[in-house]
């Protein structure tokens, strides 16, 4: 638990430092993003694919100093998972990335920041939440003056806590580590007259959950599907 608090504090300090450096920001971008995602879950000798759902949420980016920007995205969606007895369980899924980006040139950027990811079952006390640092690289390939191919890849190492109730109603919990990767390939169209960028693409995410308590089964999560976003940019 102490380690999770240290990671959270370090992430918050990094974000505060970035906002301080952005006091003379040149431009702001706001918009919305969606991800129609499948969920493939592997645990012990069991593999389950959960029907896809739409995750959605806001996008915010602050550009400053020519080469720097601070960006944040938060996505939420509710999955329906079939369980024993033909019942359907609701799973609320959360995925958020906050990063400080540095553009080496118009084609390549590097970024680092904090990732938050997890899920809960609103009908019971089940929760699985993690936070940790992430690093990545982004590539932009211009096709025309207004059409671009975008590729981003990043790795993260999350620290989390899992909580649930066993069959006897006793609340149990375990800390866990969750290393993983995220990549997306997309096509972006910049509409100059509207100062808006429309992006359509594909995103893949994989995380491995390693529990610290004995008796818990490690898991592998894979999320994949189509993405669509619209972002409006203006100068401050």
Protein backbone atom coordinates (compact mmCIF):
# COMPACT_ATOMS: atom_id res chain seq x y z
CA UNK A 1 0.00 0.00 0.00
CA UNK A 2 2.85 2.38 0.86
CA UNK A 3 4.44 1.68 -2.52
CA UNK A 4 1.18 2.54 -4.30
CA UNK A 5 1.02 5.85 -2.42
CA UNK A 6 4.62 6.65 -3.41
CA UNK A 7 3.83 5.95 -7.08
CA UNK A 8 0.71 8.12 -6.87
CA UNK A 9 2.62 10.99 -5.23
CA UNK A 10 5.42 10.81 -7.81
CA UNK A 11 2.89 10.84 -10.66
CA UNK A 12 1.04 13.83 -9.19
CA UNK A 13 4.31 15.75 -8.72
CA UNK A 14 5.25 15.07 -12.33
CA UNK A 15 1.90 16.37 -13.55
CA UNK A 16 2.11 19.46 -11.34
CA UNK A 17 5.63 20.18 -12.59
CA UNK A 18 4.45 19.86 -16.18
CA UNK A 19 1.53 22.24 -15.63
CA UNK A 20 3.90 24.71 -13.98
CA UNK A 21 6.19 24.56 -17.00
CA UNK A 22 3.15 25.13 -19.23
CA UNK A 23 2.33 28.50 -17.69
CA UNK A 24 3.05 30.12 -21.05
CA UNK A 25 1.07 27.58 -23.05
CA UNK A 26 0.58 28.29 -26.73
CA UNK A 27 -2.38 26.07 -27.63
CA UNK A 28 -5.08 23.90 -26.11
CA UNK A 29 -6.85 20.88 -27.61
CA UNK A 30 -10.09 19.40 -26.28
CA UNK A 31 -12.21 16.58 -27.61
CA UNK A 32 -13.66 13.13 -27.13
CA UNK A 33 -12.38 9.63 -27.80
CA UNK A 34 -14.04 6.22 -28.16
CA UNK A 35 -12.75 2.65 -28.21
CA UNK A 36 -14.94 -0.29 -29.29
CA UNK A 37 -13.03 -2.98 -27.43
CA UNK A 38 -13.02 -6.74 -27.00
CA UNK A 39 -11.66 -8.22 -23.77
CA UNK A 40 -9.75 -11.54 -23.75
CA UNK A 41 -9.02 -12.87 -20.27
CA UNK A 42 -6.68 -15.79 -19.50
CA UNK A 43 -6.54 -17.30 -15.99
CA UNK A 44 -4.94 -20.67 -15.14
CA UNK A 45 -6.11 -22.97 -17.95
CA UNK A 46 -9.19 -20.91 -18.75
CA UNK A 47 -9.56 -18.42 -21.61
CA UNK A 48 -12.60 -16.20 -21.92
CA UNK A 49 -13.50 -13.55 -24.49
CA UNK A 50 -15.95 -10.97 -23.20
CA UNK A 51 -18.30 -9.37 -25.74
CA UNK A 52 -17.12 -5.95 -26.92
CA UNK A 53 -18.37 -2.67 -25.56
CA UNK A 54 -17.82 1.02 -26.23
CA UNK A 55 -15.43 2.91 -23.98
CA UNK A 56 -15.62 6.70 -24.19
CA UNK A 57 -14.31 9.82 -22.52
CA UNK A 58 -12.61 13.21 -22.80
CA UNK A 59 -9.25 14.16 -24.32
CA UNK A 60 -7.22 17.19 -23.24
CA UNK A 61 -3.84 18.42 -24.49
CA UNK A 62 -1.83 21.53 -23.68
CA UNK A 63 1.01 22.50 -26.04
CA UNK A 64 3.83 24.83 -25.00
CA UNK A 65 7.44 25.73 -25.71
CA UNK A 66 7.32 24.54 -29.31
CA UNK A 67 8.33 20.94 -28.62
CA UNK A 68 6.40 20.15 -25.42
CA UNK A 69 2.83 19.14 -24.64
CA UNK A 70 0.88 17.69 -21.74
CA UNK A 71 -1.92 15.30 -22.66
CA UNK A 72 -4.55 13.33 -20.78
CA UNK A 73 -7.27 10.88 -21.81
CA UNK A 74 -9.83 9.05 -19.69
CA UNK A 75 -12.02 6.21 -20.97
CA UNK A 76 -14.91 4.40 -19.31
CA UNK A 77 -17.08 1.50 -20.47
CA UNK A 78 -19.30 -1.26 -19.06
CA UNK A 79 -18.78 -4.87 -20.13
CA UNK A 80 -21.36 -7.67 -19.77
CA UNK A 81 -19.72 -10.94 -18.72
CA UNK A 82 -21.66 -14.19 -18.82
CA UNK A 83 -21.23 -16.21 -15.63
CA UNK A 84 -22.38 -19.56 -14.31
CA UNK A 85 -26.13 -20.13 -14.34
CA UNK A 86 -26.64 -17.95 -17.40
CA UNK A 87 -26.42 -14.72 -15.43
CA UNK A 88 -24.74 -11.60 -16.78
CA UNK A 89 -22.36 -9.60 -14.59
CA UNK A 90 -21.67 -5.93 -15.20
CA UNK A 91 -18.00 -4.87 -15.17
CA UNK A 92 -17.08 -1.18 -15.17
CA UNK A 93 -13.73 -0.65 -16.91
CA UNK A 94 -11.47 2.40 -16.51
CA UNK A 95 -8.44 3.38 -18.59
CA UNK A 96 -6.54 6.65 -18.29
CA UNK A 97 -3.21 8.03 -19.54
CA UNK A 98 -1.54 11.31 -18.59
CA UNK A 99 1.75 12.08 -20.31
CA UNK A 100 4.36 14.74 -20.88
CA UNK A 101 5.35 14.66 -24.57
CA UNK A 102 8.50 15.90 -26.28
CA UNK A 103 8.58 16.20 -30.07
CA UNK A 104 12.08 15.56 -31.40
CA UNK A 105 10.90 16.67 -34.84
CA UNK A 106 7.63 16.60 -36.81
CA UNK A 107 7.91 12.84 -37.20
CA UNK A 108 8.96 11.45 -33.79
CA UNK A 109 7.98 12.17 -30.20
CA UNK A 110 8.84 10.64 -26.83
CA UNK A 111 6.49 10.62 -23.87
CA UNK A 112 6.32 9.56 -20.25
CA UNK A 113 3.77 9.83 -17.48
CA UNK A 114 1.27 7.93 -15.40
CA UNK A 115 -1.25 5.24 -16.33
CA UNK A 116 -4.34 4.33 -14.33
CA UNK A 117 -6.29 1.18 -15.18
CA UNK A 118 -8.80 -1.05 -13.48
CA UNK A 119 -12.29 -2.43 -13.24
CA UNK A 120 -15.06 -2.92 -10.71
CA UNK A 121 -18.30 -4.88 -10.45
CA UNK A 122 -20.95 -2.41 -9.22
CA UNK A 123 -23.25 -5.22 -8.00
CA UNK A 124 -20.71 -6.42 -5.40
CA UNK A 125 -17.51 -5.35 -3.64
CA UNK A 126 -15.15 -6.53 -6.41
CA UNK A 127 -12.46 -4.05 -7.48
CA UNK A 128 -9.13 -4.24 -9.34
CA UNK A 129 -7.32 -0.88 -9.55
CA UNK A 130 -3.74 -0.01 -10.48
CA UNK A 131 -1.51 2.99 -11.15
CA UNK A 132 2.06 3.28 -12.37
CA UNK A 133 4.62 4.91 -14.67
CA UNK A 134 4.61 4.58 -18.46
CA UNK A 135 7.07 5.42 -21.26
CA UNK A 136 6.56 5.43 -25.00
CA UNK A 137 7.29 6.65 -28.51
CA UNK A 138 5.08 8.11 -31.21
CA UNK A 139 5.62 8.37 -34.98
CA UNK A 140 3.77 10.65 -37.41
CA UNK A 141 3.96 10.04 -41.18
CA UNK A 142 2.36 12.77 -43.33
CA UNK A 143 0.56 11.48 -46.44
CA UNK A 144 -0.72 14.91 -47.51
CA UNK A 145 -0.94 18.32 -45.87
CA UNK A 146 -4.03 17.20 -43.96
CA UNK A 147 -3.77 13.39 -43.79
CA UNK A 148 -1.40 11.53 -41.45
CA UNK A 149 -0.57 8.02 -40.27
CA UNK A 150 -0.01 7.86 -36.51
CA UNK A 151 1.65 5.05 -34.56
CA UNK A 152 2.19 5.02 -30.81
CA UNK A 153 3.64 2.34 -28.54
CA UNK A 154 4.26 2.39 -24.81
CA UNK A 155 5.09 0.18 -21.88
CA UNK A 156 3.86 0.53 -18.30
CA UNK A 157 4.45 -1.06 -14.92
CA UNK A 158 1.46 -0.73 -12.62
CA UNK A 159 1.03 -1.34 -8.90
CA UNK A 160 -2.43 -2.24 -7.72
CA UNK A 161 -4.76 -3.77 -5.18
CA UNK A 162 -7.40 -6.43 -5.81
CA UNK A 163 -10.42 -6.74 -3.47
CA UNK A 164 -13.35 -9.17 -3.50
CA UNK A 165 -15.47 -11.42 -1.31
CA UNK A 166 -15.04 -15.19 -1.17
CA UNK A 167 -17.93 -17.70 -1.19
CA UNK A 168 -18.41 -17.29 2.58
CA UNK A 169 -18.72 -13.50 2.31
CA UNK A 170 -15.29 -12.78 3.79
CA UNK A 171 -13.56 -9.80 2.17
CA UNK A 172 -10.14 -10.72 0.81
CA UNK A 173 -7.50 -8.64 -0.95
CA UNK A 174 -4.06 -8.83 -2.53
CA UNK A 175 -1.49 -6.41 -3.89
CA UNK A 176 -0.31 -7.08 -7.43
CA UNK A 177 2.11 -5.91 -10.13
CA UNK A 178 0.87 -5.42 -13.69
CA UNK A 179 3.44 -4.88 -16.46
CA UNK A 180 2.07 -4.35 -19.93
CA UNK A 181 2.15 -2.70 -23.31
CA UNK A 182 -0.14 -0.55 -25.41
CA UNK A 183 0.00 0.26 -29.12
CA UNK A 184 -2.28 1.91 -31.64
CA UNK A 185 -2.17 2.60 -35.37
CA UNK A 186 -4.48 5.22 -36.84
CA UNK A 187 -5.25 7.57 -39.70
CA UNK A 188 -5.72 11.24 -38.79
CA UNK A 189 -7.48 13.87 -40.91
CA UNK A 190 -6.93 17.52 -40.00
CA UNK A 191 -9.80 19.81 -41.04
CA UNK A 192 -8.11 23.21 -41.18
CA UNK A 193 -11.30 25.25 -41.55
CA UNK A 194 -12.64 23.76 -38.31
CA UNK A 195 -9.30 23.40 -36.46
CA UNK A 196 -10.37 19.82 -35.77
CA UNK A 197 -8.60 16.47 -36.14
CA UNK A 198 -10.60 13.28 -36.76
CA UNK A 199 -8.72 10.06 -35.99
CA UNK A 200 -9.75 6.49 -36.84
CA UNK A 201 -7.62 3.51 -35.92
CA UNK A 202 -6.97 0.27 -34.03
CA UNK A 203 -5.69 -0.15 -30.46
CA UNK A 204 -4.20 -3.20 -28.73
CA UNK A 205 -3.40 -3.47 -25.04
CA UNK A 206 -1.95 -6.38 -23.04
CA UNK A 207 -1.30 -6.57 -19.29
CA UNK A 208 -0.17 -9.44 -17.07
CA UNK A 209 -1.37 -9.51 -13.45
CA UNK A 210 0.99 -11.06 -10.89
CA UNK A 211 -0.46 -11.35 -7.39
CA UNK A 212 1.77 -11.09 -4.33
CA UNK A 213 -0.45 -13.27 -2.11
CA UNK A 214 -0.23 -17.08 -2.26
CA UNK A 215 -3.22 -18.94 -3.66
CA UNK A 216 -4.16 -16.32 -6.26
CA UNK A 217 -4.14 -17.16 -9.96
CA UNK A 218 -2.15 -14.82 -12.20
CA UNK A 219 -4.02 -13.40 -15.19
CA UNK A 220 -3.41 -12.00 -18.67
CA UNK A 221 -5.70 -9.31 -20.08
CA UNK A 222 -5.89 -8.35 -23.75
CA UNK A 223 -8.02 -5.48 -25.03
CA UNK A 224 -8.32 -4.72 -28.75
CA UNK A 225 -10.61 -2.91 -31.14
CA UNK A 226 -11.37 0.18 -33.22
CA UNK A 227 -10.84 3.74 -32.01
CA UNK A 228 -12.41 7.03 -33.12
CA UNK A 229 -11.75 10.52 -31.79
CA UNK A 230 -12.40 14.15 -32.60
CA UNK A 231 -10.23 16.93 -31.13
CA UNK A 232 -10.61 20.70 -31.53
CA UNK A 233 -7.51 22.91 -31.15
CA UNK A 234 -7.24 26.63 -30.46
CA UNK A 235 -4.59 29.11 -29.35
CA UNK A 236 -4.63 30.59 -25.86
